[in-house]
Amino acid sequence: EQAIKNNSQLKYKEKGSRFVYDVFIEDDWGKIVLEFDLEVVAIQGKELGIQRKRTKGSAWHYKRCCEDIIGQL
C-alpha cells in the first residue's frame, strides 16, 4: 500500500477488500490512460505475493509501473 501511495502519478481505490486495489493513471484532462488491479495474496503460510492484472492501457506502461511499485517493496 505504501509503495502505491509514494508514487505521485498513481491513484487508487480499494475494491471491497483491504488487500485489493484498482490502480490508475490519468492524463492531464482526467482520462484514464492505464488501469490495473493489484491484490496482495497469501502464497504459503506467512509468505505474501502480489497478483496483478492490466485492465486498460499499454503493456509497456503497465510493465514500467509494476516494476516501480515492486522495486519500492
N, C-alpha and C. Protein backbone atom coordinates (compact mmCIF):
# COMPACT_ATOMS: atom_id res chain seq x y z
N GLU A 1 0.84 -1.19 0.00
CA GLU A 1 0.00 0.00 0.00
C GLU A 1 0.88 1.25 0.00
N GLN A 2 1.93 1.24 0.79
CA GLN A 2 2.81 2.40 0.89
C GLN A 2 3.51 2.68 -0.44
N ALA A 3 3.86 1.61 -1.17
CA ALA A 3 4.52 1.78 -2.47
C ALA A 3 3.60 2.49 -3.45
N ILE A 4 2.31 2.21 -3.39
CA ILE A 4 1.35 2.88 -4.27
C ILE A 4 1.18 4.33 -3.84
N LYS A 5 1.07 4.57 -2.54
CA LYS A 5 0.88 5.93 -2.04
C LYS A 5 2.08 6.82 -2.31
N ASN A 6 3.28 6.25 -2.33
CA ASN A 6 4.50 7.04 -2.55
C ASN A 6 4.66 7.51 -3.98
N ASN A 7 3.99 6.88 -4.94
CA ASN A 7 4.10 7.26 -6.34
C ASN A 7 3.05 8.32 -6.64
N SER A 8 3.49 9.53 -6.94
CA SER A 8 2.56 10.65 -7.13
C SER A 8 1.71 10.51 -8.39
N GLN A 9 2.14 9.72 -9.37
CA GLN A 9 1.37 9.54 -10.61
C GLN A 9 0.18 8.62 -10.40
N LEU A 10 0.30 7.68 -9.48
CA LEU A 10 -0.72 6.65 -9.31
C LEU A 10 -1.86 7.12 -8.42
N LYS A 11 -3.05 6.77 -8.82
CA LYS A 11 -4.23 6.97 -7.98
C LYS A 11 -4.81 5.58 -7.78
N TYR A 12 -5.51 5.39 -6.68
CA TYR A 12 -6.06 4.07 -6.44
C TYR A 12 -7.32 4.16 -5.61
N LYS A 13 -8.08 3.10 -5.66
CA LYS A 13 -9.22 2.96 -4.77
C LYS A 13 -9.28 1.50 -4.33
N GLU A 14 -9.68 1.29 -3.10
CA GLU A 14 -9.79 -0.07 -2.59
C GLU A 14 -11.04 -0.71 -3.18
N LYS A 15 -10.94 -1.98 -3.51
CA LYS A 15 -12.05 -2.70 -4.11
C LYS A 15 -12.55 -3.76 -3.14
N GLY A 16 -13.46 -3.38 -2.26
CA GLY A 16 -14.10 -4.34 -1.37
C GLY A 16 -13.24 -4.83 -0.24
N SER A 17 -12.04 -5.23 -0.52
CA SER A 17 -11.14 -5.78 0.48
C SER A 17 -9.98 -4.82 0.71
N ARG A 18 -9.42 -4.92 1.87
CA ARG A 18 -8.27 -4.08 2.20
C ARG A 18 -7.05 -4.43 1.34
N PHE A 19 -7.05 -5.60 0.74
CA PHE A 19 -5.87 -6.08 0.01
C PHE A 19 -6.03 -6.07 -1.50
N VAL A 20 -7.08 -5.45 -2.01
CA VAL A 20 -7.30 -5.36 -3.46
C VAL A 20 -7.39 -3.89 -3.84
N TYR A 21 -6.59 -3.48 -4.82
CA TYR A 21 -6.55 -2.08 -5.24
C TYR A 21 -6.78 -1.97 -6.74
N ASP A 22 -7.57 -1.00 -7.14
CA ASP A 22 -7.75 -0.62 -8.53
C ASP A 22 -6.85 0.60 -8.73
N VAL A 23 -5.75 0.41 -9.45
CA VAL A 23 -4.75 1.47 -9.62
C VAL A 23 -4.90 2.06 -11.02
N PHE A 24 -4.82 3.39 -11.11
CA PHE A 24 -4.97 4.01 -12.42
C PHE A 24 -4.13 5.27 -12.53
N ILE A 25 -3.83 5.63 -13.77
CA ILE A 25 -3.09 6.85 -14.10
C ILE A 25 -3.96 7.63 -15.07
N GLU A 26 -4.13 8.92 -14.79
CA GLU A 26 -4.92 9.80 -15.65
C GLU A 26 -4.00 10.75 -16.39
N ASP A 27 -4.44 11.16 -17.58
CA ASP A 27 -3.70 12.20 -18.29
C ASP A 27 -4.10 13.57 -17.74
N ASP A 28 -3.61 14.63 -18.36
CA ASP A 28 -3.88 15.98 -17.87
C ASP A 28 -5.35 16.38 -17.94
N TRP A 29 -6.12 15.68 -18.76
CA TRP A 29 -7.54 16.00 -18.93
C TRP A 29 -8.45 15.07 -18.12
N GLY A 30 -7.88 14.20 -17.30
CA GLY A 30 -8.67 13.31 -16.46
C GLY A 30 -9.05 11.99 -17.11
N LYS A 31 -8.56 11.73 -18.30
CA LYS A 31 -8.85 10.47 -18.98
C LYS A 31 -7.90 9.38 -18.45
N ILE A 32 -8.44 8.22 -18.13
CA ILE A 32 -7.61 7.12 -17.62
C ILE A 32 -6.82 6.53 -18.77
N VAL A 33 -5.48 6.54 -18.66
CA VAL A 33 -4.62 6.01 -19.71
C VAL A 33 -4.05 4.65 -19.35
N LEU A 34 -4.08 4.30 -18.06
CA LEU A 34 -3.61 3.00 -17.61
C LEU A 34 -4.39 2.61 -16.37
N GLU A 35 -4.86 1.38 -16.35
CA GLU A 35 -5.61 0.90 -15.19
C GLU A 35 -5.26 -0.57 -14.96
N PHE A 36 -5.02 -0.93 -13.71
CA PHE A 36 -4.75 -2.32 -13.38
C PHE A 36 -5.13 -2.61 -11.94
N ASP A 37 -5.31 -3.89 -11.66
CA ASP A 37 -5.67 -4.34 -10.31
C ASP A 37 -4.44 -4.94 -9.65
N LEU A 38 -4.26 -4.64 -8.38
CA LEU A 38 -3.22 -5.26 -7.56
C LEU A 38 -3.90 -5.91 -6.37
N GLU A 39 -3.50 -7.14 -6.09
CA GLU A 39 -4.05 -7.85 -4.94
C GLU A 39 -2.92 -8.51 -4.18
N VAL A 40 -2.89 -8.31 -2.88
CA VAL A 40 -1.92 -8.98 -2.01
C VAL A 40 -2.52 -10.33 -1.64
N VAL A 41 -1.79 -11.41 -1.94
CA VAL A 41 -2.31 -12.76 -1.71
C VAL A 41 -1.33 -13.56 -0.85
N ALA A 42 -1.87 -14.50 -0.09
CA ALA A 42 -1.05 -15.43 0.69
C ALA A 42 -0.60 -16.55 -0.24
N ILE A 43 0.69 -16.85 -0.20
CA ILE A 43 1.22 -17.90 -1.06
C ILE A 43 1.31 -19.22 -0.29
N GLN A 44 2.14 -19.24 0.73
CA GLN A 44 2.28 -20.42 1.59
C GLN A 44 2.54 -19.92 3.00
N GLY A 45 1.73 -20.34 3.92
CA GLY A 45 1.94 -19.92 5.30
C GLY A 45 1.88 -18.42 5.45
N LYS A 46 3.02 -17.83 5.85
CA LYS A 46 3.07 -16.39 6.11
C LYS A 46 3.66 -15.59 4.96
N GLU A 47 3.98 -16.25 3.86
CA GLU A 47 4.54 -15.53 2.71
C GLU A 47 3.43 -14.85 1.93
N LEU A 48 3.75 -13.68 1.40
CA LEU A 48 2.78 -12.90 0.62
C LEU A 48 3.29 -12.68 -0.79
N GLY A 49 2.36 -12.53 -1.71
CA GLY A 49 2.70 -12.24 -3.09
C GLY A 49 1.76 -11.17 -3.62
N ILE A 50 2.06 -10.70 -4.82
CA ILE A 50 1.22 -9.69 -5.46
C ILE A 50 0.69 -10.27 -6.75
N GLN A 51 -0.62 -10.29 -6.89
CA GLN A 51 -1.26 -10.70 -8.12
C GLN A 51 -1.72 -9.43 -8.82
N ARG A 52 -1.43 -9.32 -10.10
CA ARG A 52 -1.77 -8.09 -10.82
C ARG A 52 -2.42 -8.42 -12.15
N LYS A 53 -3.24 -7.48 -12.63
CA LYS A 53 -3.94 -7.68 -13.90
C LYS A 53 -4.18 -6.32 -14.56
N ARG A 54 -3.69 -6.17 -15.77
CA ARG A 54 -3.89 -4.93 -16.53
C ARG A 54 -5.30 -4.96 -17.12
N THR A 55 -6.05 -3.88 -16.92
CA THR A 55 -7.40 -3.81 -17.46
C THR A 55 -7.54 -2.76 -18.56
N LYS A 56 -6.59 -1.82 -18.63
CA LYS A 56 -6.65 -0.79 -19.67
C LYS A 56 -5.27 -0.16 -19.82
N GLY A 57 -4.88 0.14 -21.04
CA GLY A 57 -3.64 0.86 -21.29
C GLY A 57 -2.58 -0.01 -21.95
N SER A 58 -1.44 0.61 -22.23
CA SER A 58 -0.37 -0.07 -22.96
C SER A 58 0.39 -1.04 -22.05
N ALA A 59 0.82 -2.13 -22.65
CA ALA A 59 1.57 -3.15 -21.91
C ALA A 59 2.90 -2.59 -21.41
N TRP A 60 3.57 -1.75 -22.20
CA TRP A 60 4.86 -1.19 -21.80
C TRP A 60 4.70 -0.29 -20.57
N HIS A 61 3.70 0.57 -20.57
CA HIS A 61 3.45 1.48 -19.46
C HIS A 61 3.11 0.68 -18.19
N TYR A 62 2.30 -0.35 -18.36
CA TYR A 62 1.92 -1.24 -17.26
C TYR A 62 3.15 -1.92 -16.66
N LYS A 63 4.02 -2.43 -17.53
CA LYS A 63 5.24 -3.11 -17.08
C LYS A 63 6.11 -2.16 -16.24
N ARG A 64 6.28 -0.94 -16.73
CA ARG A 64 7.12 0.04 -16.01
C ARG A 64 6.52 0.39 -14.65
N CYS A 65 5.22 0.59 -14.58
CA CYS A 65 4.56 0.92 -13.31
C CYS A 65 4.70 -0.21 -12.31
N CYS A 66 4.49 -1.44 -12.76
CA CYS A 66 4.61 -2.59 -11.86
C CYS A 66 6.05 -2.74 -11.38
N GLU A 67 7.02 -2.53 -12.24
CA GLU A 67 8.43 -2.59 -11.83
C GLU A 67 8.73 -1.55 -10.76
N ASP A 68 8.20 -0.34 -10.94
CA ASP A 68 8.42 0.72 -9.96
C ASP A 68 7.80 0.38 -8.60
N ILE A 69 6.59 -0.14 -8.62
CA ILE A 69 5.90 -0.49 -7.37
C ILE A 69 6.63 -1.63 -6.66
N ILE A 70 6.97 -2.68 -7.41
CA ILE A 70 7.65 -3.83 -6.81
C ILE A 70 9.03 -3.44 -6.31
N GLY A 71 9.69 -2.54 -7.03
CA GLY A 71 11.00 -2.06 -6.60
C GLY A 71 10.98 -1.31 -5.30
N GLN A 72 9.83 -0.74 -4.93
CA GLN A 72 9.71 0.02 -3.69
C GLN A 72 9.33 -0.86 -2.50
N LEU A 73 9.02 -2.13 -2.75
CA LEU A 73 8.62 -3.01 -1.65
C LEU A 73 9.80 -3.48 -0.84
